[in-house]
Amino acid sequence: MTDIIFRTGEATVLAKEGQYTDAMPEVLIGSVDGPVGHGFAAMLGQTVGHTRMFVVRDLNQLVRPATMMTTKVTIHNAAYVELLGGVVQGATGDAIVDCVIEGVLPKDQTDKICIIITIWLDPRCPGDPNLDKADLYRTNYEATKLAIRRAMTGEPTIDELIANRKTIKHYALDGVVEY
Protein backbone atom coordinates (compact mmCIF):
# COMPACT_ATOMS: atom_id res chain seq x y z
CA MET A 1 0.00 0.00 0.00
CA THR A 2 1.18 3.51 -0.78
CA ASP A 3 1.69 6.31 1.71
CA ILE A 4 -0.25 8.75 -0.46
CA ILE A 5 -3.56 8.56 1.39
CA PHE A 6 -5.22 11.96 1.10
CA ARG A 7 -3.53 14.97 -0.49
CA THR A 8 -5.24 18.15 -1.62
CA GLY A 9 -4.21 20.97 -3.90
CA GLU A 10 -5.63 23.84 -5.85
CA ALA A 11 -4.41 26.55 -8.18
CA THR A 12 -5.64 29.48 -10.18
CA VAL A 13 -4.16 30.53 -13.51
CA LEU A 14 -5.71 33.63 -15.03
CA ALA A 15 -6.79 34.06 -18.62
CA LYS A 16 -5.19 36.47 -21.02
CA GLU A 17 -6.95 39.80 -21.37
CA GLY A 18 -10.43 39.57 -22.86
CA GLN A 19 -10.88 35.85 -22.29
CA TYR A 20 -13.04 33.85 -19.86
CA THR A 21 -10.51 31.03 -19.71
CA ASP A 22 -9.39 31.25 -16.07
CA ALA A 23 -8.62 27.80 -14.65
CA MET A 24 -9.16 26.88 -11.00
CA PRO A 25 -8.81 23.12 -10.52
CA GLU A 26 -9.02 21.45 -7.15
CA VAL A 27 -7.40 18.03 -6.81
CA LEU A 28 -7.65 15.19 -4.37
CA ILE A 29 -4.95 12.53 -4.69
CA GLY A 30 -4.83 9.29 -2.75
CA SER A 31 -4.62 5.54 -2.58
CA VAL A 32 -7.09 3.52 -4.64
CA ASP A 33 -7.84 1.45 -1.54
CA GLY A 34 -8.35 4.47 0.73
CA PRO A 35 -10.95 7.23 1.02
CA VAL A 36 -9.97 8.84 -2.28
CA GLY A 37 -10.32 5.54 -4.11
CA HIS A 38 -13.74 4.97 -2.55
CA GLY A 39 -14.85 8.47 -3.57
CA PHE A 40 -13.45 7.90 -7.05
CA ALA A 41 -15.46 4.69 -7.48
CA ALA A 42 -18.60 6.38 -6.16
CA MET A 43 -18.28 9.05 -8.87
CA LEU A 44 -18.88 6.57 -11.71
CA GLY A 45 -22.58 7.39 -11.73
CA GLN A 46 -23.82 10.60 -13.33
CA THR A 47 -25.43 13.58 -11.67
CA VAL A 48 -27.68 15.87 -13.68
CA GLY A 49 -25.74 18.95 -14.76
CA HIS A 50 -22.38 17.79 -13.39
CA THR A 51 -20.93 15.33 -15.85
CA ARG A 52 -18.20 13.08 -14.51
CA MET A 53 -15.67 11.54 -16.83
CA PHE A 54 -12.33 9.82 -16.84
CA VAL A 55 -9.51 12.08 -17.95
CA VAL A 56 -8.14 10.96 -21.29
CA ARG A 57 -5.49 12.61 -23.41
CA ASP A 58 -7.30 11.48 -26.55
CA LEU A 59 -9.43 8.55 -27.62
CA ASN A 60 -8.17 5.35 -25.97
CA GLN A 61 -5.57 7.27 -23.93
CA LEU A 62 -6.80 7.07 -20.31
CA VAL A 63 -4.25 8.80 -18.09
CA ARG A 64 -2.41 7.17 -15.21
CA PRO A 65 -2.94 7.64 -12.37
CA ALA A 66 -6.60 7.16 -13.22
CA THR A 67 -8.32 10.52 -12.86
CA MET A 68 -11.99 11.42 -12.61
CA MET A 69 -13.00 14.97 -13.48
CA THR A 70 -16.19 16.89 -12.90
CA THR A 71 -17.22 20.49 -13.36
CA LYS A 72 -17.92 23.06 -10.66
CA VAL A 73 -20.58 24.66 -12.88
CA THR A 74 -23.91 23.14 -13.86
CA ILE A 75 -23.82 22.15 -17.51
CA HIS A 76 -26.67 23.51 -19.63
CA ASN A 77 -25.60 22.86 -23.22
CA ALA A 78 -23.63 20.67 -25.59
CA ALA A 79 -21.15 23.43 -26.45
CA TYR A 80 -20.05 23.50 -22.80
CA VAL A 81 -19.67 19.70 -22.77
CA GLU A 82 -17.63 19.87 -25.97
CA LEU A 83 -15.13 22.31 -24.42
CA LEU A 84 -15.02 20.41 -21.13
CA GLY A 85 -14.53 17.02 -22.78
CA GLY A 86 -12.23 18.42 -25.44
CA VAL A 87 -9.74 21.21 -24.79
CA VAL A 88 -10.02 21.16 -21.00
CA GLN A 89 -9.86 17.38 -20.71
CA GLY A 90 -6.90 17.23 -23.09
CA ALA A 91 -5.00 19.91 -21.17
CA THR A 92 -5.74 18.18 -17.88
CA GLY A 93 -4.59 14.82 -19.22
CA ASP A 94 -1.38 16.24 -20.65
CA ALA A 95 -0.62 17.96 -17.33
CA ILE A 96 -1.11 14.73 -15.37
CA VAL A 97 1.16 12.72 -17.66
CA ASP A 98 3.77 15.48 -17.52
CA CYS A 99 3.59 15.41 -13.70
CA VAL A 100 4.54 11.72 -13.89
CA ILE A 101 7.33 12.42 -16.40
CA GLU A 102 8.71 15.20 -14.17
CA GLY A 103 8.53 13.07 -11.00
CA VAL A 104 5.88 15.17 -9.27
CA LEU A 105 3.67 12.07 -9.25
CA PRO A 106 5.59 8.84 -8.56
CA LYS A 107 5.69 6.66 -11.68
CA ASP A 108 5.93 3.45 -9.62
CA GLN A 109 2.61 4.28 -7.92
CA THR A 110 0.47 5.26 -10.90
CA ASP A 111 -1.73 2.18 -10.51
CA LYS A 112 -1.90 2.53 -6.71
CA ILE A 113 -3.23 6.09 -6.56
CA CYS A 114 -6.05 7.98 -8.22
CA ILE A 115 -7.02 11.61 -8.64
CA ILE A 116 -10.32 13.43 -8.41
CA ILE A 117 -10.28 16.87 -10.02
CA THR A 118 -12.97 19.52 -10.10
CA ILE A 119 -12.76 21.86 -13.07
CA TRP A 120 -13.84 25.47 -13.41
CA LEU A 121 -14.98 26.24 -16.94
CA ASP A 122 -16.62 29.64 -17.17
CA PRO A 123 -20.16 29.33 -18.57
CA ARG A 124 -19.41 32.28 -20.90
CA CYS A 125 -16.76 30.29 -22.83
CA PRO A 126 -19.04 28.31 -25.16
CA GLY A 127 -20.87 31.44 -26.32
CA ASP A 128 -17.78 33.59 -26.79
CA PRO A 129 -17.19 34.07 -30.53
CA ASN A 130 -13.60 35.14 -29.74
CA LEU A 131 -12.79 32.20 -27.49
CA ASP A 132 -9.07 31.44 -27.60
CA LYS A 133 -8.89 27.66 -27.23
CA ALA A 134 -5.11 27.83 -26.95
CA ASP A 135 -5.49 30.05 -23.88
CA LEU A 136 -8.12 27.67 -22.47
CA TYR A 137 -5.61 24.83 -22.91
CA ARG A 138 -2.76 26.88 -21.38
CA THR A 139 -4.63 27.92 -18.25
CA ASN A 140 -5.96 24.43 -17.54
CA TYR A 141 -2.61 22.76 -18.24
CA GLU A 142 -0.65 25.15 -16.02
CA ALA A 143 -3.22 25.17 -13.21
CA THR A 144 -3.53 21.38 -13.15
CA LYS A 145 0.24 20.93 -12.90
CA LEU A 146 0.43 23.55 -10.14
CA ALA A 147 -2.48 22.06 -8.17
CA ILE A 148 -0.92 18.57 -8.34
CA ARG A 149 2.50 19.87 -7.28
CA ARG A 150 0.91 21.73 -4.37
CA ALA A 151 -0.96 18.61 -3.32
CA MET A 152 2.17 16.49 -3.41
CA THR A 153 4.30 19.05 -1.52
CA GLY A 154 1.70 20.24 0.99
CA GLU A 155 1.60 23.83 -0.25
CA PRO A 156 0.83 26.25 1.11
CA THR A 157 2.19 25.12 4.45
CA ILE A 158 0.41 26.08 7.64
CA ASP A 159 3.39 28.31 8.48
CA GLU A 160 2.89 30.21 5.19
CA LEU A 161 -0.81 30.60 5.90
CA ILE A 162 -0.14 31.91 9.41
CA ALA A 163 2.58 34.28 8.17
CA ASN A 164 0.34 35.84 5.50
CA ARG A 165 -2.93 35.79 7.46
CA LYS A 166 -3.04 39.60 7.74
CA THR A 167 -1.44 40.46 4.40
CA ILE A 168 -3.39 38.29 1.93
CA LYS A 169 -7.16 38.27 1.72
CA HIS A 170 -9.64 36.68 -0.65
CA TYR A 171 -10.07 38.87 -3.74
CA ALA A 172 -13.85 38.98 -3.25
CA LEU A 173 -13.41 40.58 0.19
CA ASP A 174 -11.79 43.75 -1.15
CA GLY A 175 -13.64 46.62 0.51
CA VAL A 176 -15.91 44.21 2.41
CA VAL A 177 -13.75 43.35 5.40
CA GLU A 178 -11.06 45.41 7.07
CA TYR A 179 -7.96 43.63 8.34
C-alpha atoms as a PDB file:
ATOM      1  CA  MET A   1       0.000   0.000   0.000  1.00  0.00           C
ATOM      2  CA  THR A   2       1.176   3.512  -0.782  1.00  0.00           C
ATOM      3  CA  ASP A   3       1.692   6.305   1.714  1.00  0.00           C
ATOM      4  CA  ILE A   4      -0.253   8.752  -0.455  1.00  0.00           C
ATOM      5  CA  ILE A   5      -3.558   8.562   1.393  1.00  0.00           C
ATOM      6  CA  PHE A   6      -5.218  11.961   1.104  1.00  0.00           C
ATOM      7  CA  ARG A   7      -3.529  14.971  -0.485  1.00  0.00           C
ATOM      8  CA  THR A   8      -5.240  18.146  -1.625  1.00  0.00           C
ATOM      9  CA  GLY A   9      -4.215  20.973  -3.895  1.00  0.00           C
ATOM     10  CA  GLU A  10      -5.628  23.841  -5.850  1.00  0.00           C
ATOM     11  CA  ALA A  11      -4.410  26.545  -8.179  1.00  0.00           C
ATOM     12  CA  THR A  12      -5.645  29.476 -10.183  1.00  0.00           C
ATOM     13  CA  VAL A  13      -4.164  30.534 -13.511  1.00  0.00           C
ATOM     14  CA  LEU A  14      -5.711  33.626 -15.028  1.00  0.00           C
ATOM     15  CA  ALA A  15      -6.786  34.058 -18.625  1.00  0.00           C
ATOM     16  CA  LYS A  16      -5.190  36.466 -21.020  1.00  0.00           C
ATOM     17  CA  GLU A  17      -6.950  39.797 -21.374  1.00  0.00           C
ATOM     18  CA  GLY A  18     -10.429  39.574 -22.859  1.00  0.00           C
ATOM     19  CA  GLN A  19     -10.884  35.850 -22.290  1.00  0.00           C
ATOM     20  CA  TYR A  20     -13.044  33.846 -19.860  1.00  0.00           C
ATOM     21  CA  THR A  21     -10.513  31.033 -19.706  1.00  0.00           C
ATOM     22  CA  ASP A  22      -9.386  31.247 -16.072  1.00  0.00           C
ATOM     23  CA  ALA A  23      -8.615  27.803 -14.650  1.00  0.00           C
ATOM     24  CA  MET A  24      -9.155  26.883 -10.998  1.00  0.00           C
ATOM     25  CA  PRO A  25      -8.813  23.122 -10.524  1.00  0.00           C
ATOM     26  CA  GLU A  26      -9.020  21.448  -7.146  1.00  0.00           C
ATOM     27  CA  VAL A  27      -7.401  18.033  -6.808  1.00  0.00           C
ATOM     28  CA  LEU A  28      -7.651  15.186  -4.367  1.00  0.00           C
ATOM     29  CA  ILE A  29      -4.953  12.531  -4.687  1.00  0.00           C
ATOM     30  CA  GLY A  30      -4.830   9.285  -2.753  1.00  0.00           C
ATOM     31  CA  SER A  31      -4.623   5.540  -2.578  1.00  0.00           C
ATOM     32  CA  VAL A  32      -7.090   3.523  -4.642  1.00  0.00           C
ATOM     33  CA  ASP A  33      -7.844   1.452  -1.539  1.00  0.00           C
ATOM     34  CA  GLY A  34      -8.352   4.465   0.735  1.00  0.00           C
ATOM     35  CA  PRO A  35     -10.949   7.229   1.021  1.00  0.00           C
ATOM     36  CA  VAL A  36      -9.969   8.843  -2.282  1.00  0.00           C
ATOM     37  CA  GLY A  37     -10.322   5.543  -4.111  1.00  0.00           C
ATOM     38  CA  HIS A  38     -13.742   4.973  -2.548  1.00  0.00           C
ATOM     39  CA  GLY A  39     -14.847   8.475  -3.571  1.00  0.00           C
ATOM     40  CA  PHE A  40     -13.448   7.897  -7.049  1.00  0.00           C
ATOM     41  CA  ALA A  41     -15.463   4.694  -7.481  1.00  0.00           C
ATOM     42  CA  ALA A  42     -18.603   6.379  -6.165  1.00  0.00           C
ATOM     43  CA  MET A  43     -18.278   9.052  -8.873  1.00  0.00           C
ATOM     44  CA  LEU A  44     -18.876   6.568 -11.707  1.00  0.00           C
ATOM     45  CA  GLY A  45     -22.584   7.390 -11.733  1.00  0.00           C
ATOM     46  CA  GLN A  46     -23.818  10.597 -13.335  1.00  0.00           C
ATOM     47  CA  THR A  47     -25.431  13.581 -11.666  1.00  0.00           C
ATOM     48  CA  VAL A  48     -27.675  15.870 -13.678  1.00  0.00           C
ATOM     49  CA  GLY A  49     -25.742  18.946 -14.760  1.00  0.00           C
ATOM     50  CA  HIS A  50     -22.384  17.789 -13.387  1.00  0.00           C
ATOM     51  CA  THR A  51     -20.925  15.332 -15.846  1.00  0.00           C
ATOM     52  CA  ARG A  52     -18.204  13.078 -14.508  1.00  0.00           C
ATOM     53  CA  MET A  53     -15.667  11.537 -16.826  1.00  0.00           C
ATOM     54  CA  PHE A  54     -12.329   9.820 -16.836  1.00  0.00           C
ATOM     55  CA  VAL A  55      -9.510  12.083 -17.948  1.00  0.00           C
ATOM     56  CA  VAL A  56      -8.137  10.962 -21.287  1.00  0.00           C
ATOM     57  CA  ARG A  57      -5.486  12.608 -23.413  1.00  0.00           C
ATOM     58  CA  ASP A  58      -7.303  11.478 -26.545  1.00  0.00           C
ATOM     59  CA  LEU A  59      -9.431   8.545 -27.616  1.00  0.00           C
ATOM     60  CA  ASN A  60      -8.174   5.349 -25.967  1.00  0.00           C
ATOM     61  CA  GLN A  61      -5.572   7.268 -23.927  1.00  0.00           C
ATOM     62  CA  LEU A  62      -6.797   7.073 -20.310  1.00  0.00           C
ATOM     63  CA  VAL A  63      -4.249   8.798 -18.094  1.00  0.00           C
ATOM     64  CA  ARG A  64      -2.409   7.166 -15.210  1.00  0.00           C
ATOM     65  CA  PRO A  65      -2.943   7.642 -12.372  1.00  0.00           C
ATOM     66  CA  ALA A  66      -6.603   7.163 -13.219  1.00  0.00           C
ATOM     67  CA  THR A  67      -8.324  10.517 -12.856  1.00  0.00           C
ATOM     68  CA  MET A  68     -11.987  11.423 -12.609  1.00  0.00           C
ATOM     69  CA  MET A  69     -12.996  14.972 -13.478  1.00  0.00           C
ATOM     70  CA  THR A  70     -16.189  16.891 -12.901  1.00  0.00           C
ATOM     71  CA  THR A  71     -17.219  20.489 -13.355  1.00  0.00           C
ATOM     72  CA  LYS A  72     -17.922  23.058 -10.656  1.00  0.00           C
ATOM     73  CA  VAL A  73     -20.575  24.662 -12.881  1.00  0.00           C
ATOM     74  CA  THR A  74     -23.913  23.143 -13.859  1.00  0.00           C
ATOM     75  CA  ILE A  75     -23.818  22.153 -17.513  1.00  0.00           C
ATOM     76  CA  HIS A  76     -26.667  23.514 -19.635  1.00  0.00           C
ATOM     77  CA  ASN A  77     -25.604  22.864 -23.224  1.00  0.00           C
ATOM     78  CA  ALA A  78     -23.632  20.667 -25.586  1.00  0.00           C
ATOM     79  CA  ALA A  79     -21.145  23.433 -26.449  1.00  0.00           C
ATOM     80  CA  TYR A  80     -20.048  23.496 -22.804  1.00  0.00           C
ATOM     81  CA  VAL A  81     -19.674  19.703 -22.769  1.00  0.00           C
ATOM     82  CA  GLU A  82     -17.629  19.874 -25.969  1.00  0.00           C
ATOM     83  CA  LEU A  83     -15.126  22.310 -24.416  1.00  0.00           C
ATOM     84  CA  LEU A  84     -15.017  20.409 -21.126  1.00  0.00           C
ATOM     85  CA  GLY A  85     -14.535  17.019 -22.785  1.00  0.00           C
ATOM     86  CA  GLY A  86     -12.227  18.424 -25.441  1.00  0.00           C
ATOM     87  CA  VAL A  87      -9.736  21.205 -24.794  1.00  0.00           C
ATOM     88  CA  VAL A  88     -10.020  21.161 -20.998  1.00  0.00           C
ATOM     89  CA  GLN A  89      -9.865  17.379 -20.707  1.00  0.00           C
ATOM     90  CA  GLY A  90      -6.897  17.229 -23.094  1.00  0.00           C
ATOM     91  CA  ALA A  91      -4.996  19.914 -21.170  1.00  0.00           C
ATOM     92  CA  THR A  92      -5.739  18.177 -17.880  1.00  0.00           C
ATOM     93  CA  GLY A  93      -4.594  14.822 -19.221  1.00  0.00           C
ATOM     94  CA  ASP A  94      -1.384  16.238 -20.646  1.00  0.00           C
ATOM     95  CA  ALA A  95      -0.619  17.960 -17.328  1.00  0.00           C
ATOM     96  CA  ILE A  96      -1.112  14.728 -15.369  1.00  0.00           C
ATOM     97  CA  VAL A  97       1.164  12.721 -17.662  1.00  0.00           C
ATOM     98  CA  ASP A  98       3.775  15.480 -17.523  1.00  0.00           C
ATOM     99  CA  CYS A  99       3.594  15.411 -13.700  1.00  0.00           C
ATOM    100  CA  VAL A 100       4.543  11.718 -13.890  1.00  0.00           C
ATOM    101  CA  ILE A 101       7.328  12.419 -16.402  1.00  0.00           C
ATOM    102  CA  GLU A 102       8.708  15.198 -14.166  1.00  0.00           C
ATOM    103  CA  GLY A 103       8.535  13.071 -10.998  1.00  0.00           C
ATOM    104  CA  VAL A 104       5.879  15.167  -9.266  1.00  0.00           C
ATOM    105  CA  LEU A 105       3.674  12.069  -9.248  1.00  0.00           C
ATOM    106  CA  PRO A 106       5.592   8.842  -8.555  1.00  0.00           C
ATOM    107  CA  LYS A 107       5.687   6.659 -11.681  1.00  0.00           C
ATOM    108  CA  ASP A 108       5.928   3.448  -9.620  1.00  0.00           C
ATOM    109  CA  GLN A 109       2.612   4.279  -7.915  1.00  0.00           C
ATOM    110  CA  THR A 110       0.471   5.257 -10.896  1.00  0.00           C
ATOM    111  CA  ASP A 111      -1.725   2.176 -10.511  1.00  0.00           C
ATOM    112  CA  LYS A 112      -1.900   2.528  -6.705  1.00  0.00           C
ATOM    113  CA  ILE A 113      -3.227   6.089  -6.560  1.00  0.00           C
ATOM    114  CA  CYS A 114      -6.053   7.979  -8.216  1.00  0.00           C
ATOM    115  CA  ILE A 115      -7.024  11.606  -8.636  1.00  0.00           C
ATOM    116  CA  ILE A 116     -10.321  13.427  -8.412  1.00  0.00           C
ATOM    117  CA  ILE A 117     -10.284  16.866 -10.023  1.00  0.00           C
ATOM    118  CA  THR A 118     -12.971  19.524 -10.103  1.00  0.00           C
ATOM    119  CA  ILE A 119     -12.761  21.857 -13.068  1.00  0.00           C
ATOM    120  CA  TRP A 120     -13.837  25.473 -13.414  1.00  0.00           C
ATOM    121  CA  LEU A 121     -14.983  26.237 -16.943  1.00  0.00           C
ATOM    122  CA  ASP A 122     -16.617  29.641 -17.169  1.00  0.00           C
ATOM    123  CA  PRO A 123     -20.160  29.332 -18.571  1.00  0.00           C
ATOM    124  CA  ARG A 124     -19.407  32.277 -20.903  1.00  0.00           C
ATOM    125  CA  CYS A 125     -16.757  30.291 -22.829  1.00  0.00           C
ATOM    126  CA  PRO A 126     -19.042  28.313 -25.159  1.00  0.00           C
ATOM    127  CA  GLY A 127     -20.872  31.442 -26.319  1.00  0.00           C
ATOM    128  CA  ASP A 128     -17.779  33.593 -26.787  1.00  0.00           C
ATOM    129  CA  PRO A 129     -17.188  34.072 -30.535  1.00  0.00           C
ATOM    130  CA  ASN A 130     -13.604  35.142 -29.742  1.00  0.00           C
ATOM    131  CA  LEU A 131     -12.791  32.199 -27.490  1.00  0.00           C
ATOM    132  CA  ASP A 132      -9.072  31.443 -27.596  1.00  0.00           C
ATOM    133  CA  LYS A 133      -8.894  27.661 -27.227  1.00  0.00           C
ATOM    134  CA  ALA A 134      -5.110  27.832 -26.954  1.00  0.00           C
ATOM    135  CA  ASP A 135      -5.487  30.046 -23.879  1.00  0.00           C
ATOM    136  CA  LEU A 136      -8.115  27.670 -22.470  1.00  0.00           C
ATOM    137  CA  TYR A 137      -5.612  24.833 -22.911  1.00  0.00           C
ATOM    138  CA  ARG A 138      -2.760  26.881 -21.378  1.00  0.00           C
ATOM    139  CA  THR A 139      -4.631  27.920 -18.247  1.00  0.00           C
ATOM    140  CA  ASN A 140      -5.960  24.426 -17.541  1.00  0.00           C
ATOM    141  CA  TYR A 141      -2.609  22.761 -18.238  1.00  0.00           C
ATOM    142  CA  GLU A 142      -0.653  25.154 -16.015  1.00  0.00           C
ATOM    143  CA  ALA A 143      -3.216  25.174 -13.208  1.00  0.00           C
ATOM    144  CA  THR A 144      -3.531  21.381 -13.146  1.00  0.00           C
ATOM    145  CA  LYS A 145       0.240  20.935 -12.897  1.00  0.00           C
ATOM    146  CA  LEU A 146       0.429  23.547 -10.144  1.00  0.00           C
ATOM    147  CA  ALA A 147      -2.477  22.055  -8.167  1.00  0.00           C
ATOM    148  CA  ILE A 148      -0.921  18.572  -8.344  1.00  0.00           C
ATOM    149  CA  ARG A 149       2.498  19.874  -7.280  1.00  0.00           C
ATOM    150  CA  ARG A 150       0.915  21.731  -4.371  1.00  0.00           C
ATOM    151  CA  ALA A 151      -0.960  18.605  -3.319  1.00  0.00           C
ATOM    152  CA  MET A 152       2.171  16.491  -3.406  1.00  0.00           C
ATOM    153  CA  THR A 153       4.299  19.050  -1.518  1.00  0.00           C
ATOM    154  CA  GLY A 154       1.695  20.238   0.988  1.00  0.00           C
ATOM    155  CA  GLU A 155       1.600  23.828  -0.251  1.00  0.00           C
ATOM    156  CA  PRO A 156       0.829  26.245   1.110  1.00  0.00           C
ATOM    157  CA  THR A 157       2.187  25.121   4.445  1.00  0.00           C
ATOM    158  CA  ILE A 158       0.410  26.079   7.638  1.00  0.00           C
ATOM    159  CA  ASP A 159       3.389  28.312   8.482  1.00  0.00           C
ATOM    160  CA  GLU A 160       2.887  30.215   5.193  1.00  0.00           C
ATOM    161  CA  LEU A 161      -0.813  30.601   5.904  1.00  0.00           C
ATOM    162  CA  ILE A 162      -0.141  31.909   9.405  1.00  0.00           C
ATOM    163  CA  ALA A 163       2.583  34.284   8.166  1.00  0.00           C
ATOM    164  CA  ASN A 164       0.337  35.845   5.499  1.00  0.00           C
ATOM    165  CA  ARG A 165      -2.935  35.787   7.459  1.00  0.00           C
ATOM    166  CA  LYS A 166      -3.044  39.595   7.740  1.00  0.00           C
ATOM    167  CA  THR A 167      -1.442  40.457   4.398  1.00  0.00           C
ATOM    168  CA  ILE A 168      -3.387  38.287   1.933  1.00  0.00           C
ATOM    169  CA  LYS A 169      -7.156  38.267   1.720  1.00  0.00           C
ATOM    170  CA  HIS A 170      -9.638  36.678  -0.649  1.00  0.00           C
ATOM    171  CA  TYR A 171     -10.065  38.866  -3.738  1.00  0.00           C
ATOM    172  CA  ALA A 172     -13.851  38.984  -3.246  1.00  0.00           C
ATOM    173  CA  LEU A 173     -13.414  40.579   0.195  1.00  0.00           C
ATOM    174  CA  ASP A 174     -11.787  43.751  -1.149  1.00  0.00           C
ATOM    175  CA  GLY A 175     -13.644  46.621   0.505  1.00  0.00           C
ATOM    176  CA  VAL A 176     -15.912  44.214   2.413  1.00  0.00           C
ATOM    177  CA  VAL A 177     -13.749  43.346   5.396  1.00  0.00           C
ATOM    178  CA  GLU A 178     -11.055  45.407   7.068  1.00  0.00           C
ATOM    179  CA  TYR A 179      -7.963  43.632   8.337  1.00  0.00           C
END
